[in-house]
Amino acid sequence: MTRPSAGSFAVTLDTAIEESGLSLDRLQHHLAARGVRLSRSALSYWRRGRSQPERETSIAAVAQLESVLSLEPGTLTSRLGPKAPRGRWLGEPACRIERRRLWPQLRAFSAELKPPPDGQLSFWSIHDRMLLDEHGGERALQVRMVAEAAVDGVDRMMAYYQADSFLTADPVYRCVRSARVGRVCVDRETGMVAAELRLERALALGEVTIVEYEIRFPPGSPTGHYHRRFTRPVAEYVCQVSFGSRVPRRVRSFEQRGLGGPEHPGSPLSAGATHTTTLALRDVRPGIYGTGWQW
């Protein structure tokens, strides 16, 4: 990371905060009393030079910061440099895969869903739990995601799923927490499902939310694997598969760099007495990771 230059917005803000003796929590409290909602993480990013205010609401918050920190008007706002490209996803991160390469069938839904640019949310962890029915078909998928806003004003996230085969009916989203279901697009022929999850409120830069939901599937053919596709790194991924009464004779983790690429087998997994396997990964790189089994 480049060190903020002397006299920059970051250095000036950091110095002012140090001299005020106020913690970031107290600063946040004073701003809230003035009707300004700003996350502690955003304040931390600004003073460390990781980001700078660009949206009108953020710049207005800076003017209030000047007052709270007993600075002359313009002390901070005059040091704001030119706008950076909108959002960190526009830069080329060290490692990523374009969304269209992992979800080629999403293109048919793009005009209706208008998905936001990939990377507005940075995921701390993702936990999937796939439940199979007594025939080995997909019954339900339970998802829990811990996500941090990478930019100001994030108000939705997209959820994609690719069924193994033809869908006899549309899947149903239920048990949604910290969000509500918006538009849902389903292609029964290909099994592609894309849904818009509207967050309870827009997140400021650095704010963290936990979103949970379940997808209920219509009865289908037995499946032999479950995986998740990652366009960007994720700190932690947990994949559980509950087999119900029908337990496969062999279960193994696997990974792929991309669709159509070679499948690299991983470690054997045990279903145990609960008939549930668990795959837990740290520092997941972009690609495809999951669990495969043989009946």
C-alpha atoms as a PDB file:
ATOM      1  CA  MET A   1       0.000   0.000   0.000  1.00  0.00           C
ATOM      2  CA  THR A   2       1.278   3.479  -0.842  1.00  0.00           C
ATOM      3  CA  ARG A   3       1.994   5.601   2.197  1.00  0.00           C
ATOM      4  CA  PRO A   4      -0.219   8.755   2.296  1.00  0.00           C
ATOM      5  CA  SER A   5       1.796  11.863   1.458  1.00  0.00           C
ATOM      6  CA  ALA A   6       2.324  14.666   3.963  1.00  0.00           C
ATOM      7  CA  GLY A   7      -0.514  17.158   3.828  1.00  0.00           C
ATOM      8  CA  SER A   8      -2.839  14.646   2.185  1.00  0.00           C
ATOM      9  CA  PHE A   9      -6.441  14.159   3.274  1.00  0.00           C
ATOM     10  CA  ALA A  10      -5.515  10.939   5.113  1.00  0.00           C
ATOM     11  CA  VAL A  11      -2.602  12.458   7.040  1.00  0.00           C
ATOM     12  CA  THR A  12      -4.544  15.604   7.912  1.00  0.00           C
ATOM     13  CA  LEU A  13      -7.506  13.564   9.154  1.00  0.00           C
ATOM     14  CA  ASP A  14      -5.283  11.166  11.108  1.00  0.00           C
ATOM     15  CA  THR A  15      -3.460  14.061  12.801  1.00  0.00           C
ATOM     16  CA  ALA A  16      -6.720  15.812  13.661  1.00  0.00           C
ATOM     17  CA  ILE A  17      -8.167  12.650  15.185  1.00  0.00           C
ATOM     18  CA  GLU A  18      -5.025  12.063  17.258  1.00  0.00           C
ATOM     19  CA  GLU A  19      -5.038  15.649  18.533  1.00  0.00           C
ATOM     20  CA  SER A  20      -8.736  15.517  19.386  1.00  0.00           C
ATOM     21  CA  GLY A  21      -8.263  12.498  21.640  1.00  0.00           C
ATOM     22  CA  LEU A  22     -11.505  11.018  20.284  1.00  0.00           C
ATOM     23  CA  SER A  23     -11.819   7.345  19.440  1.00  0.00           C
ATOM     24  CA  LEU A  24     -13.426   6.317  16.167  1.00  0.00           C
ATOM     25  CA  ASP A  25     -16.443   5.114  18.124  1.00  0.00           C
ATOM     26  CA  ARG A  26     -16.837   8.557  19.735  1.00  0.00           C
ATOM     27  CA  LEU A  27     -16.396  10.258  16.375  1.00  0.00           C
ATOM     28  CA  GLN A  28     -19.095   8.009  14.957  1.00  0.00           C
ATOM     29  CA  HIS A  29     -21.344   8.931  17.908  1.00  0.00           C
ATOM     30  CA  HIS A  30     -20.820  12.699  17.397  1.00  0.00           C
ATOM     31  CA  LEU A  31     -21.547  12.387  13.692  1.00  0.00           C
ATOM     32  CA  ALA A  32     -24.709  10.389  14.374  1.00  0.00           C
ATOM     33  CA  ALA A  33     -25.903  13.186  16.707  1.00  0.00           C
ATOM     34  CA  ARG A  34     -25.600  15.506  13.686  1.00  0.00           C
ATOM     35  CA  GLY A  35     -27.617  13.152  11.494  1.00  0.00           C
ATOM     36  CA  VAL A  36     -24.604  11.651   9.713  1.00  0.00           C
ATOM     37  CA  ARG A  37     -24.369   7.870   9.524  1.00  0.00           C
ATOM     38  CA  LEU A  38     -20.806   6.746   8.876  1.00  0.00           C
ATOM     39  CA  SER A  39     -19.266   3.393   9.746  1.00  0.00           C
ATOM     40  CA  ARG A  40     -16.226   3.010  11.949  1.00  0.00           C
ATOM     41  CA  SER A  41     -14.529   1.079   9.137  1.00  0.00           C
ATOM     42  CA  ALA A  42     -15.024   3.960   6.694  1.00  0.00           C
ATOM     43  CA  LEU A  43     -13.396   6.376   9.146  1.00  0.00           C
ATOM     44  CA  SER A  44     -10.519   3.945   9.600  1.00  0.00           C
ATOM     45  CA  TYR A  45     -10.048   3.562   5.831  1.00  0.00           C
ATOM     46  CA  TRP A  46     -10.047   7.342   5.320  1.00  0.00           C
ATOM     47  CA  ARG A  47      -7.426   8.067   7.973  1.00  0.00           C
ATOM     48  CA  ARG A  48      -5.178   5.247   6.711  1.00  0.00           C
ATOM     49  CA  GLY A  49      -5.438   6.305   3.073  1.00  0.00           C
ATOM     50  CA  ARG A  50      -7.100   3.089   1.922  1.00  0.00           C
ATOM     51  CA  SER A  51      -9.952   5.071   0.394  1.00  0.00           C
ATOM     52  CA  GLN A  52     -11.278   8.607   0.284  1.00  0.00           C
ATOM     53  CA  PRO A  53     -14.760  10.179   0.345  1.00  0.00           C
ATOM     54  CA  GLU A  54     -16.257  10.586  -3.123  1.00  0.00           C
ATOM     55  CA  ARG A  55     -20.038  10.361  -2.916  1.00  0.00           C
ATOM     56  CA  GLU A  56     -21.957  13.527  -2.063  1.00  0.00           C
ATOM     57  CA  THR A  57     -23.134  12.031   1.229  1.00  0.00           C
ATOM     58  CA  SER A  58     -19.560  11.145   2.184  1.00  0.00           C
ATOM     59  CA  ILE A  59     -18.247  14.612   1.344  1.00  0.00           C
ATOM     60  CA  ALA A  60     -21.052  16.106   3.418  1.00  0.00           C
ATOM     61  CA  ALA A  61     -19.918  13.853   6.277  1.00  0.00           C
ATOM     62  CA  VAL A  62     -16.382  15.253   5.924  1.00  0.00           C
ATOM     63  CA  ALA A  63     -17.734  18.790   6.430  1.00  0.00           C
ATOM     64  CA  GLN A  64     -19.336  17.626   9.676  1.00  0.00           C
ATOM     65  CA  LEU A  65     -16.067  15.926  10.638  1.00  0.00           C
ATOM     66  CA  GLU A  66     -14.312  19.283  10.351  1.00  0.00           C
ATOM     67  CA  SER A  67     -16.754  20.740  12.842  1.00  0.00           C
ATOM     68  CA  VAL A  68     -16.509  17.812  15.268  1.00  0.00           C
ATOM     69  CA  LEU A  69     -12.695  17.967  15.148  1.00  0.00           C
ATOM     70  CA  SER A  70     -12.702  21.784  15.604  1.00  0.00           C
ATOM     71  CA  LEU A  71     -11.049  22.342  12.224  1.00  0.00           C
ATOM     72  CA  GLU A  72     -11.478  25.373   9.981  1.00  0.00           C
ATOM     73  CA  PRO A  73     -14.066  24.775   7.240  1.00  0.00           C
ATOM     74  CA  GLY A  74     -12.342  23.332   4.181  1.00  0.00           C
ATOM     75  CA  THR A  75      -9.358  21.917   6.100  1.00  0.00           C
ATOM     76  CA  LEU A  76     -10.258  18.387   5.052  1.00  0.00           C
ATOM     77  CA  THR A  77     -12.425  18.905   1.993  1.00  0.00           C
ATOM     78  CA  SER A  78      -9.742  21.003   0.280  1.00  0.00           C
ATOM     79  CA  ARG A  79      -7.351  18.055   0.521  1.00  0.00           C
ATOM     80  CA  LEU A  80      -9.540  15.578  -1.293  1.00  0.00           C
ATOM     81  CA  GLY A  81      -7.746  14.503  -4.444  1.00  0.00           C
ATOM     82  CA  PRO A  82      -9.273  13.560  -7.806  1.00  0.00           C
ATOM     83  CA  LYS A  83     -11.836  10.792  -7.784  1.00  0.00           C
ATOM     84  CA  ALA A  84     -10.516   7.274  -8.064  1.00  0.00           C
ATOM     85  CA  PRO A  85     -12.199   4.899 -10.555  1.00  0.00           C
ATOM     86  CA  ARG A  86     -15.590   4.016  -9.064  1.00  0.00           C
ATOM     87  CA  GLY A  87     -15.216   0.988  -6.867  1.00  0.00           C
ATOM     88  CA  ARG A  88     -12.323  -1.314  -6.182  1.00  0.00           C
ATOM     89  CA  TRP A  89     -13.683  -3.897  -8.624  1.00  0.00           C
ATOM     90  CA  LEU A  90     -12.668  -1.690 -11.560  1.00  0.00           C
ATOM     91  CA  GLY A  91      -8.987  -2.127 -10.849  1.00  0.00           C
ATOM     92  CA  GLU A  92      -7.284  -5.385 -11.716  1.00  0.00           C
ATOM     93  CA  PRO A  93      -6.964  -7.296  -8.448  1.00  0.00           C
ATOM     94  CA  ALA A  94      -4.149  -9.742  -7.978  1.00  0.00           C
ATOM     95  CA  CYS A  95      -6.420 -12.680  -8.695  1.00  0.00           C
ATOM     96  CA  ARG A  96      -9.932 -12.871 -10.107  1.00  0.00           C
ATOM     97  CA  ILE A  97     -12.062 -14.587 -12.733  1.00  0.00           C
ATOM     98  CA  GLU A  98     -14.595 -12.633 -14.749  1.00  0.00           C
ATOM     99  CA  ARG A  99     -18.152 -13.385 -13.735  1.00  0.00           C
ATOM    100  CA  ARG A 100     -19.210 -14.125 -17.308  1.00  0.00           C
ATOM    101  CA  ARG A 101     -16.632 -16.928 -17.506  1.00  0.00           C
ATOM    102  CA  LEU A 102     -18.011 -18.736 -14.463  1.00  0.00           C
ATOM    103  CA  TRP A 103     -21.656 -17.933 -15.195  1.00  0.00           C
ATOM    104  CA  PRO A 104     -22.000 -17.856 -19.004  1.00  0.00           C
ATOM    105  CA  GLN A 105     -25.768 -18.483 -18.866  1.00  0.00           C
ATOM    106  CA  LEU A 106     -26.246 -15.350 -16.782  1.00  0.00           C
ATOM    107  CA  ARG A 107     -26.040 -13.284 -19.963  1.00  0.00           C
ATOM    108  CA  ALA A 108     -29.646 -14.160 -20.831  1.00  0.00           C
ATOM    109  CA  PHE A 109     -30.823 -12.563 -17.563  1.00  0.00           C
ATOM    110  CA  SER A 110     -28.576  -9.494 -17.563  1.00  0.00           C
ATOM    111  CA  ALA A 111     -31.028  -7.133 -19.245  1.00  0.00           C
ATOM    112  CA  GLU A 112     -33.731  -7.894 -16.680  1.00  0.00           C
ATOM    113  CA  LEU A 113     -31.619  -8.177 -13.537  1.00  0.00           C
ATOM    114  CA  LYS A 114     -28.973  -5.557 -14.346  1.00  0.00           C
ATOM    115  CA  PRO A 115     -26.532  -7.112 -11.845  1.00  0.00           C
ATOM    116  CA  PRO A 116     -24.196  -4.631 -10.135  1.00  0.00           C
ATOM    117  CA  PRO A 117     -20.471  -4.738 -10.954  1.00  0.00           C
ATOM    118  CA  ASP A 118     -18.754  -7.704  -9.399  1.00  0.00           C
ATOM    119  CA  GLY A 119     -16.778  -6.829  -6.270  1.00  0.00           C
ATOM    120  CA  GLN A 120     -19.091  -4.357  -4.520  1.00  0.00           C
ATOM    121  CA  LEU A 121     -19.074  -6.813  -1.626  1.00  0.00           C
ATOM    122  CA  SER A 122     -16.043  -8.521  -0.143  1.00  0.00           C
ATOM    123  CA  PHE A 123     -16.945 -11.841   1.485  1.00  0.00           C
ATOM    124  CA  TRP A 124     -15.426 -12.769   4.831  1.00  0.00           C
ATOM    125  CA  SER A 125     -17.032 -16.196   4.805  1.00  0.00           C
ATOM    126  CA  ILE A 126     -19.596 -18.284   2.937  1.00  0.00           C
ATOM    127  CA  HIS A 127     -21.293 -21.354   4.393  1.00  0.00           C
ATOM    128  CA  ASP A 128     -23.335 -23.638   2.119  1.00  0.00           C
ATOM    129  CA  ARG A 129     -25.409 -26.584   3.277  1.00  0.00           C
ATOM    130  CA  MET A 130     -26.946 -28.739   0.560  1.00  0.00           C
ATOM    131  CA  LEU A 131     -29.765 -31.063   1.648  1.00  0.00           C
ATOM    132  CA  LEU A 132     -30.550 -34.071  -0.547  1.00  0.00           C
ATOM    133  CA  ASP A 133     -33.824 -35.986  -0.598  1.00  0.00           C
ATOM    134  CA  GLU A 134     -34.238 -39.738  -0.158  1.00  0.00           C
ATOM    135  CA  HIS A 135     -33.545 -40.277  -3.873  1.00  0.00           C
ATOM    136  CA  GLY A 136     -30.318 -38.259  -3.885  1.00  0.00           C
ATOM    137  CA  GLY A 137     -31.835 -35.231  -5.593  1.00  0.00           C
ATOM    138  CA  GLU A 138     -31.418 -31.598  -4.540  1.00  0.00           C
ATOM    139  CA  ARG A 139     -34.011 -30.732  -1.868  1.00  0.00           C
ATOM    140  CA  ALA A 140     -32.759 -27.447  -0.403  1.00  0.00           C
ATOM    141  CA  LEU A 141     -29.695 -25.216  -0.249  1.00  0.00           C
ATOM    142  CA  GLN A 142     -29.070 -23.166   2.903  1.00  0.00           C
ATOM    143  CA  VAL A 143     -26.605 -20.281   2.570  1.00  0.00           C
ATOM    144  CA  ARG A 144     -25.024 -17.956   5.122  1.00  0.00           C
ATOM    145  CA  MET A 145     -22.738 -15.142   3.907  1.00  0.00           C
ATOM    146  CA  VAL A 146     -20.722 -12.582   5.885  1.00  0.00           C
ATOM    147  CA  ALA A 147     -19.990  -9.674   3.556  1.00  0.00           C
ATOM    148  CA  GLU A 148     -18.309  -6.271   3.803  1.00  0.00           C
ATOM    149  CA  ALA A 149     -19.184  -3.328   1.572  1.00  0.00           C
ATOM    150  CA  ALA A 150     -16.212  -2.450  -0.652  1.00  0.00           C
ATOM    151  CA  VAL A 151     -17.867   0.828  -1.718  1.00  0.00           C
ATOM    152  CA  ASP A 152     -20.475   3.225  -0.333  1.00  0.00           C
ATOM    153  CA  GLY A 153     -24.156   2.617  -0.944  1.00  0.00           C
ATOM    154  CA  VAL A 154     -24.301  -1.148  -1.540  1.00  0.00           C
ATOM    155  CA  ASP A 155     -27.983  -2.062  -1.372  1.00  0.00           C
ATOM    156  CA  ARG A 156     -28.224  -5.482  -3.001  1.00  0.00           C
ATOM    157  CA  MET A 157     -26.368  -8.680  -3.797  1.00  0.00           C
ATOM    158  CA  MET A 158     -26.881 -11.349  -6.423  1.00  0.00           C
ATOM    159  CA  ALA A 159     -27.331 -15.066  -5.767  1.00  0.00           C
ATOM    160  CA  TYR A 160     -26.675 -17.545  -8.580  1.00  0.00           C
ATOM    161  CA  TYR A 161     -27.301 -21.264  -8.731  1.00  0.00           C
ATOM    162  CA  GLN A 162     -26.870 -23.836 -11.485  1.00  0.00           C
ATOM    163  CA  ALA A 163     -28.933 -27.001 -11.110  1.00  0.00           C
ATOM    164  CA  ASP A 164     -27.577 -30.217 -12.564  1.00  0.00           C
ATOM    165  CA  SER A 165     -30.550 -30.883 -14.794  1.00  0.00           C
ATOM    166  CA  PHE A 166     -33.900 -29.660 -16.103  1.00  0.00           C
ATOM    167  CA  LEU A 167     -36.079 -28.015 -13.442  1.00  0.00           C
ATOM    168  CA  THR A 168     -39.667 -29.250 -13.266  1.00  0.00           C
ATOM    169  CA  ALA A 169     -40.738 -26.064 -11.412  1.00  0.00           C
ATOM    170  CA  ASP A 170     -39.204 -22.828 -10.200  1.00  0.00           C
ATOM    171  CA  PRO A 171     -37.134 -23.024  -7.004  1.00  0.00           C
ATOM    172  CA  VAL A 172     -38.503 -21.019  -4.050  1.00  0.00           C
ATOM    173  CA  TYR A 173     -36.451 -18.619  -1.896  1.00  0.00           C
ATOM    174  CA  ARG A 174     -37.396 -18.659   1.775  1.00  0.00           C
ATOM    175  CA  CYS A 175     -36.030 -18.000   5.290  1.00  0.00           C
ATOM    176  CA  VAL A 176     -34.272 -14.872   4.023  1.00  0.00           C
ATOM    177  CA  ARG A 177     -32.588 -12.792   6.744  1.00  0.00           C
ATOM    178  CA  SER A 178     -31.107  -9.267   6.531  1.00  0.00           C
ATOM    179  CA  ALA A 179     -32.481  -8.949   3.003  1.00  0.00           C
ATOM    180  CA  ARG A 180     -35.581  -9.519   0.911  1.00  0.00           C
ATOM    181  CA  VAL A 181     -35.947 -11.293  -2.404  1.00  0.00           C
ATOM    182  CA  GLY A 182     -36.211  -8.991  -5.406  1.00  0.00           C
ATOM    183  CA  ARG A 183     -36.322 -10.156  -9.007  1.00  0.00           C
ATOM    184  CA  VAL A 184     -35.759 -13.863  -9.696  1.00  0.00           C
ATOM    185  CA  CYS A 185     -34.970 -15.336 -13.129  1.00  0.00           C
ATOM    186  CA  VAL A 186     -35.125 -19.064 -13.867  1.00  0.00           C
ATOM    187  CA  ASP A 187     -34.234 -21.004 -17.008  1.00  0.00           C
ATOM    188  CA  ARG A 188     -35.723 -24.441 -16.412  1.00  0.00           C
ATOM    189  CA  GLU A 189     -34.051 -25.932 -19.482  1.00  0.00           C
ATOM    190  CA  THR A 190     -30.509 -25.183 -18.305  1.00  0.00           C
ATOM    191  CA  GLY A 191     -31.252 -25.156 -14.556  1.00  0.00           C
ATOM    192  CA  MET A 192     -29.865 -21.621 -14.177  1.00  0.00           C
ATOM    193  CA  VAL A 193     -31.320 -19.567 -11.310  1.00  0.00           C
ATOM    194  CA  ALA A 194     -30.424 -15.927 -10.609  1.00  0.00           C
ATOM    195  CA  ALA A 195     -31.933 -13.886  -7.787  1.00  0.00           C
ATOM    196  CA  GLU A 196     -31.607 -10.357  -6.506  1.00  0.00           C
ATOM    197  CA  LEU A 197     -31.379  -9.981  -2.732  1.00  0.00           C
ATOM    198  CA  ARG A 198     -32.251  -6.462  -1.543  1.00  0.00           C
ATOM    199  CA  LEU A 199     -30.412  -5.600   1.660  1.00  0.00           C
ATOM    200  CA  GLU A 200     -32.315  -4.183   4.635  1.00  0.00           C
ATOM    201  CA  ARG A 201     -30.526  -0.870   4.065  1.00  0.00           C
ATOM    202  CA  ALA A 202     -27.688   0.516   1.972  1.00  0.00           C
ATOM    203  CA  LEU A 203     -24.270  -0.246   3.433  1.00  0.00           C
ATOM    204  CA  ALA A 204     -21.542   2.342   3.811  1.00  0.00           C
ATOM    205  CA  LEU A 205     -17.973   1.509   2.887  1.00  0.00           C
ATOM    206  CA  GLY A 206     -16.599  -1.030   5.364  1.00  0.00           C
ATOM    207  CA  GLU A 207     -19.948  -2.012   6.886  1.00  0.00           C
ATOM    208  CA  VAL A 208     -20.524  -5.717   7.395  1.00  0.00           C
ATOM    209  CA  THR A 209     -23.758  -7.657   7.006  1.00  0.00           C
ATOM    210  CA  ILE A 210     -24.790 -11.292   7.399  1.00  0.00           C
ATOM    211  CA  VAL A 211     -27.286 -12.559   4.830  1.00  0.00           C
ATOM    212  CA  GLU A 212     -28.966 -15.936   5.073  1.00  0.00           C
ATOM    213  CA  TYR A 213     -31.419 -17.664   2.753  1.00  0.00           C
ATOM    214  CA  GLU A 214     -32.696 -21.054   1.661  1.00  0.00           C
ATOM    215  CA  ILE A 215     -33.624 -22.289  -1.816  1.00  0.00           C
ATOM    216  CA  ARG A 216     -36.202 -25.077  -2.029  1.00  0.00           C
ATOM    217  CA  PHE A 217     -35.977 -27.178  -5.199  1.00  0.00           C
ATOM    218  CA  PRO A 218     -38.633 -29.217  -6.983  1.00  0.00           C
ATOM    219  CA  PRO A 219     -38.060 -32.999  -7.105  1.00  0.00           C
ATOM    220  CA  GLY A 220     -35.307 -33.884  -9.545  1.00  0.00           C
ATOM    221  CA  SER A 221     -32.831 -36.528 -10.629  1.00  0.00           C
ATOM    222  CA  PRO A 222     -30.084 -37.763  -8.293  1.00  0.00           C
ATOM    223  CA  THR A 223     -27.005 -35.564  -8.363  1.00  0.00           C
ATOM    224  CA  GLY A 224     -23.367 -36.450  -7.852  1.00  0.00           C
ATOM    225  CA  HIS A 225     -21.824 -33.193  -6.691  1.00  0.00           C
ATOM    226  CA  TYR A 226     -22.266 -29.710  -5.267  1.00  0.00           C
ATOM    227  CA  HIS A 227     -19.899 -26.791  -5.845  1.00  0.00           C
ATOM    228  CA  ARG A 228     -19.608 -23.008  -5.535  1.00  0.00           C
ATOM    229  CA  ARG A 229     -18.012 -20.719  -8.101  1.00  0.00           C
ATOM    230  CA  PHE A 230     -15.791 -17.895  -6.807  1.00  0.00           C
ATOM    231  CA  THR A 231     -14.888 -14.917  -8.972  1.00  0.00           C
ATOM    232  CA  ARG A 232     -12.742 -13.404  -6.192  1.00  0.00           C
ATOM    233  CA  PRO A 233     -10.820 -14.591  -3.131  1.00  0.00           C
ATOM    234  CA  VAL A 234     -12.765 -15.492   0.016  1.00  0.00           C
ATOM    235  CA  ALA A 235     -11.207 -15.877   3.446  1.00  0.00           C
ATOM    236  CA  GLU A 236     -13.307 -18.885   4.483  1.00  0.00           C
ATOM    237  CA  TYR A 237     -15.618 -21.323   2.736  1.00  0.00           C
ATOM    238  CA  VAL A 238     -17.535 -24.190   4.338  1.00  0.00           C
ATOM    239  CA  CYS A 239     -19.482 -26.662   2.211  1.00  0.00           C
ATOM    240  CA  GLN A 240     -21.706 -29.236   3.907  1.00  0.00           C
ATOM    241  CA  VAL A 241     -23.763 -31.898   2.158  1.00  0.00           C
ATOM    242  CA  SER A 242     -26.481 -33.767   4.079  1.00  0.00           C
ATOM    243  CA  PHE A 243     -27.347 -37.038   2.340  1.00  0.00           C
ATOM    244  CA  GLY A 244     -30.365 -38.055   4.382  1.00  0.00           C
ATOM    245  CA  SER A 245     -31.118 -41.778   4.446  1.00  0.00           C
ATOM    246  CA  ARG A 246     -29.181 -42.587   1.267  1.00  0.00           C
ATOM    247  CA  VAL A 247     -25.418 -42.401   1.884  1.00  0.00           C
ATOM    248  CA  PRO A 248     -22.943 -42.569  -1.030  1.00  0.00           C
ATOM    249  CA  ARG A 249     -20.171 -45.146  -1.014  1.00  0.00           C
ATOM    250  CA  ARG A 250     -17.460 -42.550  -1.713  1.00  0.00           C
ATOM    251  CA  VAL A 251     -17.182 -38.787  -1.116  1.00  0.00           C
ATOM    252  CA  ARG A 252     -14.287 -36.510  -2.091  1.00  0.00           C
ATOM    253  CA  SER A 253     -13.615 -32.789  -2.377  1.00  0.00           C
ATOM    254  CA  PHE A 254     -12.545 -31.288  -5.700  1.00  0.00           C
ATOM    255  CA  GLU A 255     -11.575 -28.012  -7.324  1.00  0.00           C
ATOM    256  CA  GLN A 256     -11.397 -26.539 -10.823  1.00  0.00           C
ATOM    257  CA  ARG A 257      -9.787 -23.385 -12.140  1.00  0.00           C
ATOM    258  CA  GLY A 258     -12.749 -22.720 -14.434  1.00  0.00           C
ATOM    259  CA  LEU A 259     -15.717 -24.261 -16.225  1.00  0.00           C
ATOM    260  CA  GLY A 260     -14.677 -27.024 -18.576  1.00  0.00           C
ATOM    261  CA  GLY A 261     -11.231 -27.231 -17.015  1.00  0.00           C
ATOM    262  CA  PRO A 262      -9.748 -30.368 -15.458  1.00  0.00           C
ATOM    263  CA  GLU A 263     -11.185 -31.409 -12.123  1.00  0.00           C
ATOM    264  CA  HIS A 264      -8.530 -31.818  -9.436  1.00  0.00           C
ATOM    265  CA  PRO A 265      -9.570 -34.334  -6.761  1.00  0.00           C
ATOM    266  CA  GLY A 266      -8.991 -33.384  -3.151  1.00  0.00           C
ATOM    267  CA  SER A 267      -9.192 -35.214   0.141  1.00  0.00           C
ATOM    268  CA  PRO A 268     -11.672 -38.017   0.894  1.00  0.00           C
ATOM    269  CA  LEU A 269     -14.570 -36.898   3.085  1.00  0.00           C
ATOM    270  CA  SER A 270     -16.573 -38.902   5.593  1.00  0.00           C
ATOM    271  CA  ALA A 271     -20.345 -38.708   6.006  1.00  0.00           C
ATOM    272  CA  GLY A 272     -20.173 -40.159   9.527  1.00  0.00           C
ATOM    273  CA  ALA A 273     -23.125 -41.005  11.739  1.00  0.00           C
ATOM    274  CA  THR A 274     -24.942 -37.788  10.783  1.00  0.00           C
ATOM    275  CA  HIS A 275     -24.762 -38.616   7.039  1.00  0.00           C
ATOM    276  CA  THR A 276     -23.256 -35.137   6.514  1.00  0.00           C
ATOM    277  CA  THR A 277     -19.874 -34.240   5.030  1.00  0.00           C
ATOM    278  CA  THR A 278     -18.005 -31.013   5.735  1.00  0.00           C
ATOM    279  CA  LEU A 279     -15.446 -29.334   3.493  1.00  0.00           C
ATOM    280  CA  ALA A 280     -13.785 -26.321   5.156  1.00  0.00           C
ATOM    281  CA  LEU A 281     -11.307 -24.116   3.268  1.00  0.00           C
ATOM    282  CA  ARG A 282      -9.328 -20.994   4.149  1.00  0.00           C
ATOM    283  CA  ASP A 283      -7.966 -18.310   1.818  1.00  0.00           C
ATOM    284  CA  VAL A 284      -9.954 -19.578  -1.153  1.00  0.00           C
ATOM    285  CA  ARG A 285      -8.704 -18.386  -4.528  1.00  0.00           C
ATOM    286  CA  PRO A 286     -11.038 -17.737  -7.476  1.00  0.00           C
ATOM    287  CA  GLY A 287     -12.271 -20.939  -9.086  1.00  0.00           C
ATOM    288  CA  ILE A 288     -14.686 -23.762  -8.386  1.00  0.00           C
ATOM    289  CA  TYR A 289     -14.697 -25.731  -5.130  1.00  0.00           C
ATOM    290  CA  GLY A 290     -17.032 -28.437  -3.988  1.00  0.00           C
ATOM    291  CA  THR A 291     -17.860 -31.979  -2.985  1.00  0.00           C
ATOM    292  CA  GLY A 292     -18.435 -34.937  -5.289  1.00  0.00           C
ATOM    293  CA  TRP A 293     -19.756 -38.408  -4.493  1.00  0.00           C
ATOM    294  CA  GLN A 294     -20.558 -41.781  -6.007  1.00  0.00           C
ATOM    295  CA  TRP A 295     -23.658 -43.723  -5.072  1.00  0.00           C
END
